[in-house]
């Protein structure tokens, strides 16, 4: 699954993303998220990404976030979730 993340990844945008990620991971599809357009990301968005990263690791499915925007990098670091920006090793949990 290749997906472009929205400019604003908040609780409103997180629901559809969560469903898409669950489906891809359930079908053992690699998850590659393009994040260069993200301008704002809230805690709900970070939670969805972190849960998906863990689920992908547990399912031995590739998960990575490509080209994170500066705004996304800053929010991820501020929240202490730097692990999100590291490619998940198949079979490794977050």
PDB file of N, CA and C in Angstrom:
ATOM      1  N   UNK A   1       0.846  -1.170   0.000  1.00  0.00           N
ATOM      2  CA  UNK A   1       0.000   0.000   0.000  1.00  0.00           C
ATOM      3  C   UNK A   1       0.888   1.229   0.000  1.00  0.00           C
ATOM      4  N   UNK A   2       0.755   2.035  -0.985  1.00  0.00           N
ATOM      5  CA  UNK A   2       1.410   3.338  -1.027  1.00  0.00           C
ATOM      6  C   UNK A   2       0.332   4.382  -0.828  1.00  0.00           C
ATOM      7  N   UNK A   3       0.532   5.268   0.142  1.00  0.00           N
ATOM      8  CA  UNK A   3      -0.486   6.280   0.399  1.00  0.00           C
ATOM      9  C   UNK A   3       0.164   7.605   0.730  1.00  0.00           C
ATOM     10  N   UNK A   4      -0.389   8.659   0.157  1.00  0.00           N
ATOM     11  CA  UNK A   4       0.010  10.022   0.460  1.00  0.00           C
ATOM     12  C   UNK A   4      -0.748  10.462   1.702  1.00  0.00           C
ATOM     13  N   UNK A   5      -0.018  10.897   2.721  1.00  0.00           N
ATOM     14  CA  UNK A   5      -0.684  11.385   3.926  1.00  0.00           C
ATOM     15  C   UNK A   5      -1.231  12.786   3.664  1.00  0.00           C
ATOM     16  N   UNK A   6      -2.375  13.123   4.281  1.00  0.00           N
ATOM     17  CA  UNK A   6      -2.972  14.439   4.052  1.00  0.00           C
ATOM     18  C   UNK A   6      -2.167  15.557   4.714  1.00  0.00           C
ATOM     19  N   UNK A   7      -2.417  16.781   4.290  1.00  0.00           N
ATOM     20  CA  UNK A   7      -1.729  17.940   4.864  1.00  0.00           C
ATOM     21  C   UNK A   7      -2.031  18.065   6.353  1.00  0.00           C
ATOM     22  N   UNK A   8      -3.258  17.774   6.737  1.00  0.00           N
ATOM     23  CA  UNK A   8      -3.654  17.816   8.145  1.00  0.00           C
ATOM     24  C   UNK A   8      -4.063  16.415   8.571  1.00  0.00           C
ATOM     25  N   UNK A   9      -3.275  15.850   9.461  1.00  0.00           N
ATOM     26  CA  UNK A   9      -3.553  14.498   9.954  1.00  0.00           C
ATOM     27  C   UNK A   9      -3.992  14.621  11.409  1.00  0.00           C
ATOM     28  N   UNK A  10      -5.291  14.858  11.578  1.00  0.00           N
ATOM     29  CA  UNK A  10      -5.878  15.033  12.900  1.00  0.00           C
ATOM     30  C   UNK A  10      -6.885  13.913  13.145  1.00  0.00           C
ATOM     31  N   UNK A  11      -7.693  14.060  14.184  1.00  0.00           N
ATOM     32  CA  UNK A  11      -8.639  12.987  14.500  1.00  0.00           C
ATOM     33  C   UNK A  11      -9.650  12.777  13.377  1.00  0.00           C
ATOM     34  N   UNK A  12     -10.039  13.837  12.692  1.00  0.00           N
ATOM     35  CA  UNK A  12     -10.996  13.696  11.588  1.00  0.00           C
ATOM     36  C   UNK A  12     -10.410  12.887  10.435  1.00  0.00           C
ATOM     37  N   UNK A  13      -9.150  13.097  10.131  1.00  0.00           N
ATOM     38  CA  UNK A  13      -8.505  12.398   9.011  1.00  0.00           C
ATOM     39  C   UNK A  13      -7.994  11.017   9.404  1.00  0.00           C
ATOM     40  N   UNK A  14      -7.867  10.773  10.684  1.00  0.00           N
ATOM     41  CA  UNK A  14      -7.255   9.527  11.149  1.00  0.00           C
ATOM     42  C   UNK A  14      -8.129   8.297  10.958  1.00  0.00           C
ATOM     43  N   UNK A  15      -9.451   8.469  10.982  1.00  0.00           N
ATOM     44  CA  UNK A  15     -10.348   7.318  10.875  1.00  0.00           C
ATOM     45  C   UNK A  15     -10.187   6.555   9.579  1.00  0.00           C
ATOM     46  N   UNK A  16     -10.215   7.258   8.467  1.00  0.00           N
ATOM     47  CA  UNK A  16     -10.056   6.607   7.165  1.00  0.00           C
ATOM     48  C   UNK A  16      -8.663   6.001   7.030  1.00  0.00           C
ATOM     49  N   UNK A  17      -7.662   6.728   7.495  1.00  0.00           N
ATOM     50  CA  UNK A  17      -6.293   6.207   7.430  1.00  0.00           C
ATOM     51  C   UNK A  17      -6.182   4.916   8.233  1.00  0.00           C
ATOM     52  N   UNK A  18      -6.763   4.902   9.424  1.00  0.00           N
ATOM     53  CA  UNK A  18      -6.724   3.706  10.275  1.00  0.00           C
ATOM     54  C   UNK A  18      -7.325   2.508   9.543  1.00  0.00           C
ATOM     55  N   UNK A  19      -8.465   2.706   8.907  1.00  0.00           N
ATOM     56  CA  UNK A  19      -9.117   1.611   8.162  1.00  0.00           C
ATOM     57  C   UNK A  19      -8.242   1.118   7.019  1.00  0.00           C
ATOM     58  N   UNK A  20      -7.671   2.038   6.266  1.00  0.00           N
ATOM     59  CA  UNK A  20      -6.804   1.660   5.145  1.00  0.00           C
ATOM     60  C   UNK A  20      -5.567   0.901   5.617  1.00  0.00           C
ATOM     61  N   UNK A  21      -4.987   1.351   6.719  1.00  0.00           N
ATOM     62  CA  UNK A  21      -3.793   0.687   7.246  1.00  0.00           C
ATOM     63  C   UNK A  21      -4.127  -0.714   7.752  1.00  0.00           C
ATOM     64  N   UNK A  22      -5.227  -0.844   8.476  1.00  0.00           N
ATOM     65  CA  UNK A  22      -5.634  -2.169   8.972  1.00  0.00           C
ATOM     66  C   UNK A  22      -5.848  -3.149   7.824  1.00  0.00           C
ATOM     67  N   UNK A  23      -6.512  -2.675   6.780  1.00  0.00           N
ATOM     68  CA  UNK A  23      -6.776  -3.543   5.632  1.00  0.00           C
ATOM     69  C   UNK A  23      -5.474  -3.966   4.967  1.00  0.00           C
ATOM     70  N   UNK A  24      -4.571  -3.030   4.748  1.00  0.00           N
ATOM     71  CA  UNK A  24      -3.299  -3.353   4.093  1.00  0.00           C
ATOM     72  C   UNK A  24      -2.487  -4.337   4.926  1.00  0.00           C
ATOM     73  N   UNK A  25      -2.387  -4.082   6.214  1.00  0.00           N
ATOM     74  CA  UNK A  25      -1.609  -4.962   7.087  1.00  0.00           C
ATOM     75  C   UNK A  25      -2.276  -6.334   7.173  1.00  0.00           C
ATOM     76  N   UNK A  26      -3.606  -6.354   7.253  1.00  0.00           N
ATOM     77  CA  UNK A  26      -4.338  -7.624   7.271  1.00  0.00           C
ATOM     78  C   UNK A  26      -4.126  -8.446   6.017  1.00  0.00           C
ATOM     79  N   UNK A  27      -3.891  -7.771   4.903  1.00  0.00           N
ATOM     80  CA  UNK A  27      -3.625  -8.450   3.628  1.00  0.00           C
ATOM     81  C   UNK A  27      -2.133  -8.645   3.378  1.00  0.00           C
ATOM     82  N   UNK A  28      -1.322  -8.381   4.390  1.00  0.00           N
ATOM     83  CA  UNK A  28       0.139  -8.543   4.323  1.00  0.00           C
ATOM     84  C   UNK A  28       0.774  -7.700   3.220  1.00  0.00           C
ATOM     85  N   UNK A  29       0.198  -6.524   2.970  1.00  0.00           N
ATOM     86  CA  UNK A  29       0.772  -5.607   1.987  1.00  0.00           C
ATOM     87  C   UNK A  29       1.757  -4.678   2.685  1.00  0.00           C
ATOM     88  N   UNK A  30       2.923  -4.450   2.093  1.00  0.00           N
ATOM     89  CA  UNK A  30       3.843  -3.458   2.658  1.00  0.00           C
ATOM     90  C   UNK A  30       3.154  -2.095   2.731  1.00  0.00           C
ATOM     91  N   UNK A  31       3.447  -1.346   3.773  1.00  0.00           N
ATOM     92  CA  UNK A  31       2.847  -0.025   3.972  1.00  0.00           C
ATOM     93  C   UNK A  31       3.933   1.031   3.802  1.00  0.00           C
ATOM     94  N   UNK A  32       3.787   1.848   2.767  1.00  0.00           N
ATOM     95  CA  UNK A  32       4.708   2.950   2.508  1.00  0.00           C
ATOM     96  C   UNK A  32       3.876   4.221   2.464  1.00  0.00           C
ATOM     97  N   UNK A  33       4.143   5.109   3.415  1.00  0.00           N
ATOM     98  CA  UNK A  33       3.387   6.348   3.531  1.00  0.00           C
ATOM     99  C   UNK A  33       4.263   7.516   3.106  1.00  0.00           C
ATOM    100  N   UNK A  34       3.781   8.309   2.175  1.00  0.00           N
ATOM    101  CA  UNK A  34       4.498   9.489   1.709  1.00  0.00           C
ATOM    102  C   UNK A  34       4.016  10.672   2.541  1.00  0.00           C
ATOM    103  N   UNK A  35       4.935  11.308   3.259  1.00  0.00           N
ATOM    104  CA  UNK A  35       4.551  12.315   4.248  1.00  0.00           C
ATOM    105  C   UNK A  35       5.077  13.712   3.943  1.00  0.00           C
ATOM    106  N   UNK A  36       5.458  13.968   2.710  1.00  0.00           N
ATOM    107  CA  UNK A  36       6.055  15.270   2.398  1.00  0.00           C
ATOM    108  C   UNK A  36       5.050  16.416   2.381  1.00  0.00           C
ATOM    109  N   UNK A  37       3.755  16.120   2.353  1.00  0.00           N
ATOM    110  CA  UNK A  37       2.727  17.171   2.323  1.00  0.00           C
ATOM    111  C   UNK A  37       2.137  17.471   3.704  1.00  0.00           C
ATOM    112  N   UNK A  38       2.565  16.737   4.730  1.00  0.00           N
ATOM    113  CA  UNK A  38       2.000  16.922   6.071  1.00  0.00           C
ATOM    114  C   UNK A  38       2.423  18.285   6.623  1.00  0.00           C
ATOM    115  N   UNK A  39       1.422  19.100   6.956  1.00  0.00           N
ATOM    116  CA  UNK A  39       1.667  20.415   7.553  1.00  0.00           C
ATOM    117  C   UNK A  39       1.341  20.418   9.041  1.00  0.00           C
ATOM    118  N   UNK A  40       0.347  19.611   9.420  1.00  0.00           N
ATOM    119  CA  UNK A  40      -0.055  19.486  10.816  1.00  0.00           C
ATOM    120  C   UNK A  40      -0.357  18.027  11.103  1.00  0.00           C
ATOM    121  N   UNK A  41       0.117  17.576  12.263  1.00  0.00           N
ATOM    122  CA  UNK A  41      -0.223  16.218  12.686  1.00  0.00           C
ATOM    123  C   UNK A  41      -0.511  16.266  14.174  1.00  0.00           C
ATOM    124  N   UNK A  42      -1.677  15.775  14.537  1.00  0.00           N
ATOM    125  CA  UNK A  42      -2.089  15.776  15.932  1.00  0.00           C
ATOM    126  C   UNK A  42      -1.786  14.448  16.602  1.00  0.00           C
ATOM    127  N   UNK A  43      -2.104  14.399  17.879  1.00  0.00           N
ATOM    128  CA  UNK A  43      -1.839  13.172  18.633  1.00  0.00           C
ATOM    129  C   UNK A  43      -2.625  11.987  18.089  1.00  0.00           C
ATOM    130  N   UNK A  44      -3.840  12.229  17.602  1.00  0.00           N
ATOM    131  CA  UNK A  44      -4.627  11.127  17.028  1.00  0.00           C
ATOM    132  C   UNK A  44      -3.920  10.546  15.809  1.00  0.00           C
ATOM    133  N   UNK A  45      -3.376  11.404  14.968  1.00  0.00           N
ATOM    134  CA  UNK A  45      -2.635  10.939  13.793  1.00  0.00           C
ATOM    135  C   UNK A  45      -1.392  10.160  14.183  1.00  0.00           C
ATOM    136  N   UNK A  46      -0.668  10.672  15.172  1.00  0.00           N
ATOM    137  CA  UNK A  46       0.528   9.970  15.644  1.00  0.00           C
ATOM    138  C   UNK A  46       0.163   8.610  16.234  1.00  0.00           C
ATOM    139  N   UNK A  47      -0.942   8.565  16.969  1.00  0.00           N
ATOM    140  CA  UNK A  47      -1.378   7.305  17.573  1.00  0.00           C
ATOM    141  C   UNK A  47      -1.708   6.267  16.500  1.00  0.00           C
ATOM    142  N   UNK A  48      -2.398   6.685  15.451  1.00  0.00           N
ATOM    143  CA  UNK A  48      -2.741   5.768  14.359  1.00  0.00           C
ATOM    144  C   UNK A  48      -1.471   5.234  13.704  1.00  0.00           C
ATOM    145  N   UNK A  49      -0.516   6.111  13.449  1.00  0.00           N
ATOM    146  CA  UNK A  49       0.733   5.686  12.808  1.00  0.00           C
ATOM    147  C   UNK A  49       1.528   4.745  13.704  1.00  0.00           C
ATOM    148  N   UNK A  50       1.592   5.051  14.991  1.00  0.00           N
ATOM    149  CA  UNK A  50       2.336   4.197  15.916  1.00  0.00           C
ATOM    150  C   UNK A  50       1.681   2.820  16.039  1.00  0.00           C
ATOM    151  N   UNK A  51       0.352   2.789  16.140  1.00  0.00           N
ATOM    152  CA  UNK A  51      -0.357   1.503  16.231  1.00  0.00           C
ATOM    153  C   UNK A  51      -0.174   0.691  14.951  1.00  0.00           C
ATOM    154  N   UNK A  52      -0.209   1.364  13.807  1.00  0.00           N
ATOM    155  CA  UNK A  52      -0.020   0.661  12.533  1.00  0.00           C
ATOM    156  C   UNK A  52       1.395   0.119  12.422  1.00  0.00           C
ATOM    157  N   UNK A  53       2.369   0.891  12.884  1.00  0.00           N
ATOM    158  CA  UNK A  53       3.764   0.429  12.846  1.00  0.00           C
ATOM    159  C   UNK A  53       3.922  -0.839  13.689  1.00  0.00           C
ATOM    160  N   UNK A  54       3.310  -0.836  14.876  1.00  0.00           N
ATOM    161  CA  UNK A  54       3.396  -2.012  15.741  1.00  0.00           C
ATOM    162  C   UNK A  54       2.681  -3.207  15.112  1.00  0.00           C
ATOM    163  N   UNK A  55       1.480  -2.978  14.577  1.00  0.00           N
ATOM    164  CA  UNK A  55       0.722  -4.064  13.941  1.00  0.00           C
ATOM    165  C   UNK A  55       1.486  -4.631  12.752  1.00  0.00           C
ATOM    166  N   UNK A  56       2.112  -3.763  11.978  1.00  0.00           N
ATOM    167  CA  UNK A  56       2.898  -4.225  10.826  1.00  0.00           C
ATOM    168  C   UNK A  56       4.082  -5.069  11.288  1.00  0.00           C
ATOM    169  N   UNK A  57       4.749  -4.623  12.341  1.00  0.00           N
ATOM    170  CA  UNK A  57       5.867  -5.399  12.872  1.00  0.00           C
ATOM    171  C   UNK A  57       5.419  -6.761  13.367  1.00  0.00           C
ATOM    172  N   UNK A  58       4.305  -6.780  14.089  1.00  0.00           N
ATOM    173  CA  UNK A  58       3.772  -8.050  14.598  1.00  0.00           C
ATOM    174  C   UNK A  58       3.377  -8.992  13.464  1.00  0.00           C
ATOM    175  N   UNK A  59       2.895  -8.413  12.355  1.00  0.00           N
ATOM    176  CA  UNK A  59       2.459  -9.212  11.201  1.00  0.00           C
ATOM    177  C   UNK A  59       3.594  -9.472  10.213  1.00  0.00           C
ATOM    178  N   UNK A  60       4.787  -8.981  10.537  1.00  0.00           N
ATOM    179  CA  UNK A  60       5.956  -9.132   9.663  1.00  0.00           C
ATOM    180  C   UNK A  60       5.721  -8.495   8.292  1.00  0.00           C
ATOM    181  N   UNK A  61       5.150  -7.293   8.339  1.00  0.00           N
ATOM    182  CA  UNK A  61       4.856  -6.522   7.132  1.00  0.00           C
ATOM    183  C   UNK A  61       5.696  -5.246   7.171  1.00  0.00           C
ATOM    184  N   UNK A  62       6.272  -4.895   6.044  1.00  0.00           N
ATOM    185  CA  UNK A  62       7.076  -3.673   5.971  1.00  0.00           C
ATOM    186  C   UNK A  62       6.202  -2.450   6.245  1.00  0.00           C
ATOM    187  N   UNK A  63       6.743  -1.511   7.032  1.00  0.00           N
ATOM    188  CA  UNK A  63       6.071  -0.243   7.317  1.00  0.00           C
ATOM    189  C   UNK A  63       7.124   0.843   7.325  1.00  0.00           C
ATOM    190  N   UNK A  64       6.878   1.889   6.529  1.00  0.00           N
ATOM    191  CA  UNK A  64       7.807   3.017   6.578  1.00  0.00           C
ATOM    192  C   UNK A  64       7.110   4.299   6.158  1.00  0.00           C
ATOM    193  N   UNK A  65       7.658   5.393   6.665  1.00  0.00           N
ATOM    194  CA  UNK A  65       7.183   6.727   6.319  1.00  0.00           C
ATOM    195  C   UNK A  65       8.281   7.376   5.503  1.00  0.00           C
ATOM    196  N   UNK A  66       7.978   7.687   4.249  1.00  0.00           N
ATOM    197  CA  UNK A  66       8.954   8.281   3.336  1.00  0.00           C
ATOM    198  C   UNK A  66       8.790   9.787   3.270  1.00  0.00           C
ATOM    199  N   UNK A  67       9.886  10.473   3.131  1.00  0.00           N
ATOM    200  CA  UNK A  67       9.947  11.913   2.912  1.00  0.00           C
ATOM    201  C   UNK A  67       9.093  12.709   3.899  1.00  0.00           C
ATOM    202  N   UNK A  68       9.285  12.511   5.200  1.00  0.00           N
ATOM    203  CA  UNK A  68       8.485  13.285   6.154  1.00  0.00           C
ATOM    204  C   UNK A  68       8.793  14.777   6.032  1.00  0.00           C
ATOM    205  N   UNK A  69       7.749  15.587   6.084  1.00  0.00           N
ATOM    206  CA  UNK A  69       7.920  17.038   6.025  1.00  0.00           C
ATOM    207  C   UNK A  69       8.612  17.521   7.299  1.00  0.00           C
ATOM    208  N   UNK A  70       9.127  18.730   7.254  1.00  0.00           N
ATOM    209  CA  UNK A  70       9.744  19.315   8.447  1.00  0.00           C
ATOM    210  C   UNK A  70       8.738  19.399   9.590  1.00  0.00           C
ATOM    211  N   UNK A  71       7.496  19.758   9.269  1.00  0.00           N
ATOM    212  CA  UNK A  71       6.458  19.859  10.299  1.00  0.00           C
ATOM    213  C   UNK A  71       6.223  18.508  10.969  1.00  0.00           C
ATOM    214  N   UNK A  72       6.209  17.449  10.184  1.00  0.00           N
ATOM    215  CA  UNK A  72       5.999  16.120  10.751  1.00  0.00           C
ATOM    216  C   UNK A  72       7.196  15.704  11.600  1.00  0.00           C
ATOM    217  N   UNK A  73       8.388  15.926  11.094  1.00  0.00           N
ATOM    218  CA  UNK A  73       9.595  15.579  11.848  1.00  0.00           C
ATOM    219  C   UNK A  73       9.597  16.304  13.189  1.00  0.00           C
ATOM    220  N   UNK A  74       9.267  17.586  13.186  1.00  0.00           N
ATOM    221  CA  UNK A  74       9.260  18.369  14.423  1.00  0.00           C
ATOM    222  C   UNK A  74       8.246  17.832  15.422  1.00  0.00           C
ATOM    223  N   UNK A  75       7.048  17.505  14.976  1.00  0.00           N
ATOM    224  CA  UNK A  75       6.018  16.994  15.885  1.00  0.00           C
ATOM    225  C   UNK A  75       6.375  15.610  16.409  1.00  0.00           C
ATOM    226  N   UNK A  76       6.922  14.780  15.558  1.00  0.00           N
ATOM    227  CA  UNK A  76       7.330  13.440  15.983  1.00  0.00           C
ATOM    228  C   UNK A  76       8.416  13.540  17.053  1.00  0.00           C
ATOM    229  N   UNK A  77       9.386  14.405  16.837  1.00  0.00           N
ATOM    230  CA  UNK A  77      10.463  14.571  17.825  1.00  0.00           C
ATOM    231  C   UNK A  77       9.936  15.181  19.116  1.00  0.00           C
ATOM    232  N   UNK A  78       9.062  16.176  18.994  1.00  0.00           N
ATOM    233  CA  UNK A  78       8.486  16.824  20.168  1.00  0.00           C
ATOM    234  C   UNK A  78       7.720  15.823  21.028  1.00  0.00           C
ATOM    235  N   UNK A  79       7.048  14.888  20.392  1.00  0.00           N
ATOM    236  CA  UNK A  79       6.259  13.890  21.115  1.00  0.00           C
ATOM    237  C   UNK A  79       7.099  12.708  21.605  1.00  0.00           C
ATOM    238  N   UNK A  80       8.365  12.661  21.212  1.00  0.00           N
ATOM    239  CA  UNK A  80       9.232  11.567  21.637  1.00  0.00           C
ATOM    240  C   UNK A  80       9.004  10.275  20.874  1.00  0.00           C
ATOM    241  N   UNK A  81       8.402  10.371  19.698  1.00  0.00           N
ATOM    242  CA  UNK A  81       8.089   9.177  18.906  1.00  0.00           C
ATOM    243  C   UNK A  81       8.990   9.058  17.683  1.00  0.00           C
ATOM    244  N   UNK A  82      10.256   9.370  17.853  1.00  0.00           N
ATOM    245  CA  UNK A  82      11.216   9.322  16.745  1.00  0.00           C
ATOM    246  C   UNK A  82      11.213   7.972  16.037  1.00  0.00           C
ATOM    247  N   UNK A  83      10.838   6.925  16.747  1.00  0.00           N
ATOM    248  CA  UNK A  83      10.822   5.580  16.170  1.00  0.00           C
ATOM    249  C   UNK A  83       9.919   5.520  14.937  1.00  0.00           C
ATOM    250  N   UNK A  84       8.914   6.390  14.870  1.00  0.00           N
ATOM    251  CA  UNK A  84       8.012   6.398  13.713  1.00  0.00           C
ATOM    252  C   UNK A  84       8.746   6.668  12.413  1.00  0.00           C
ATOM    253  N   UNK A  85       9.820   7.427  12.475  1.00  0.00           N
ATOM    254  CA  UNK A  85      10.528   7.810  11.257  1.00  0.00           C
ATOM    255  C   UNK A  85      11.581   6.792  10.850  1.00  0.00           C
ATOM    256  N   UNK A  86      11.761   5.767  11.674  1.00  0.00           N
ATOM    257  CA  UNK A  86      12.699   4.699  11.338  1.00  0.00           C
ATOM    258  C   UNK A  86      11.923   3.584  10.638  1.00  0.00           C
ATOM    259  N   UNK A  87      12.482   3.020   9.578  1.00  0.00           N
ATOM    260  CA  UNK A  87      11.788   1.894   8.930  1.00  0.00           C
ATOM    261  C   UNK A  87      11.604   0.757   9.929  1.00  0.00           C
ATOM    262  N   UNK A  88      10.424   0.192   9.961  1.00  0.00           N
ATOM    263  CA  UNK A  88      10.154  -0.932  10.859  1.00  0.00           C
ATOM    264  C   UNK A  88      10.720  -2.196  10.245  1.00  0.00           C
ATOM    265  N   UNK A  89      11.464  -2.923  11.039  1.00  0.00           N
ATOM    266  CA  UNK A  89      11.965  -4.213  10.572  1.00  0.00           C
ATOM    267  C   UNK A  89      10.820  -5.202  10.644  1.00  0.00           C
ATOM    268  N   UNK A  90      10.733  -6.035   9.634  1.00  0.00           N
ATOM    269  CA  UNK A  90       9.677  -7.034   9.638  1.00  0.00           C
ATOM    270  C   UNK A  90       9.848  -7.924  10.856  1.00  0.00           C
ATOM    271  N   UNK A  91       8.762  -8.067  11.604  1.00  0.00           N
ATOM    272  CA  UNK A  91       8.796  -8.896  12.796  1.00  0.00           C
ATOM    273  C   UNK A  91       9.209  -8.153  14.041  1.00  0.00           C
ATOM    274  N   UNK A  92       9.466  -6.834  13.932  1.00  0.00           N
ATOM    275  CA  UNK A  92       9.864  -6.041  15.089  1.00  0.00           C
ATOM    276  C   UNK A  92       8.709  -5.151  15.510  1.00  0.00           C
ATOM    277  N   UNK A  93       8.449  -5.086  16.796  1.00  0.00           N
ATOM    278  CA  UNK A  93       7.384  -4.227  17.306  1.00  0.00           C
ATOM    279  C   UNK A  93       7.925  -2.841  17.568  1.00  0.00           C
ATOM    280  N   UNK A  94       7.015  -1.863  17.616  1.00  0.00           N
ATOM    281  CA  UNK A  94       7.401  -0.470  17.888  1.00  0.00           C
ATOM    282  C   UNK A  94       7.788  -0.303  19.333  1.00  0.00           C
TER     283      UNK A  94
END
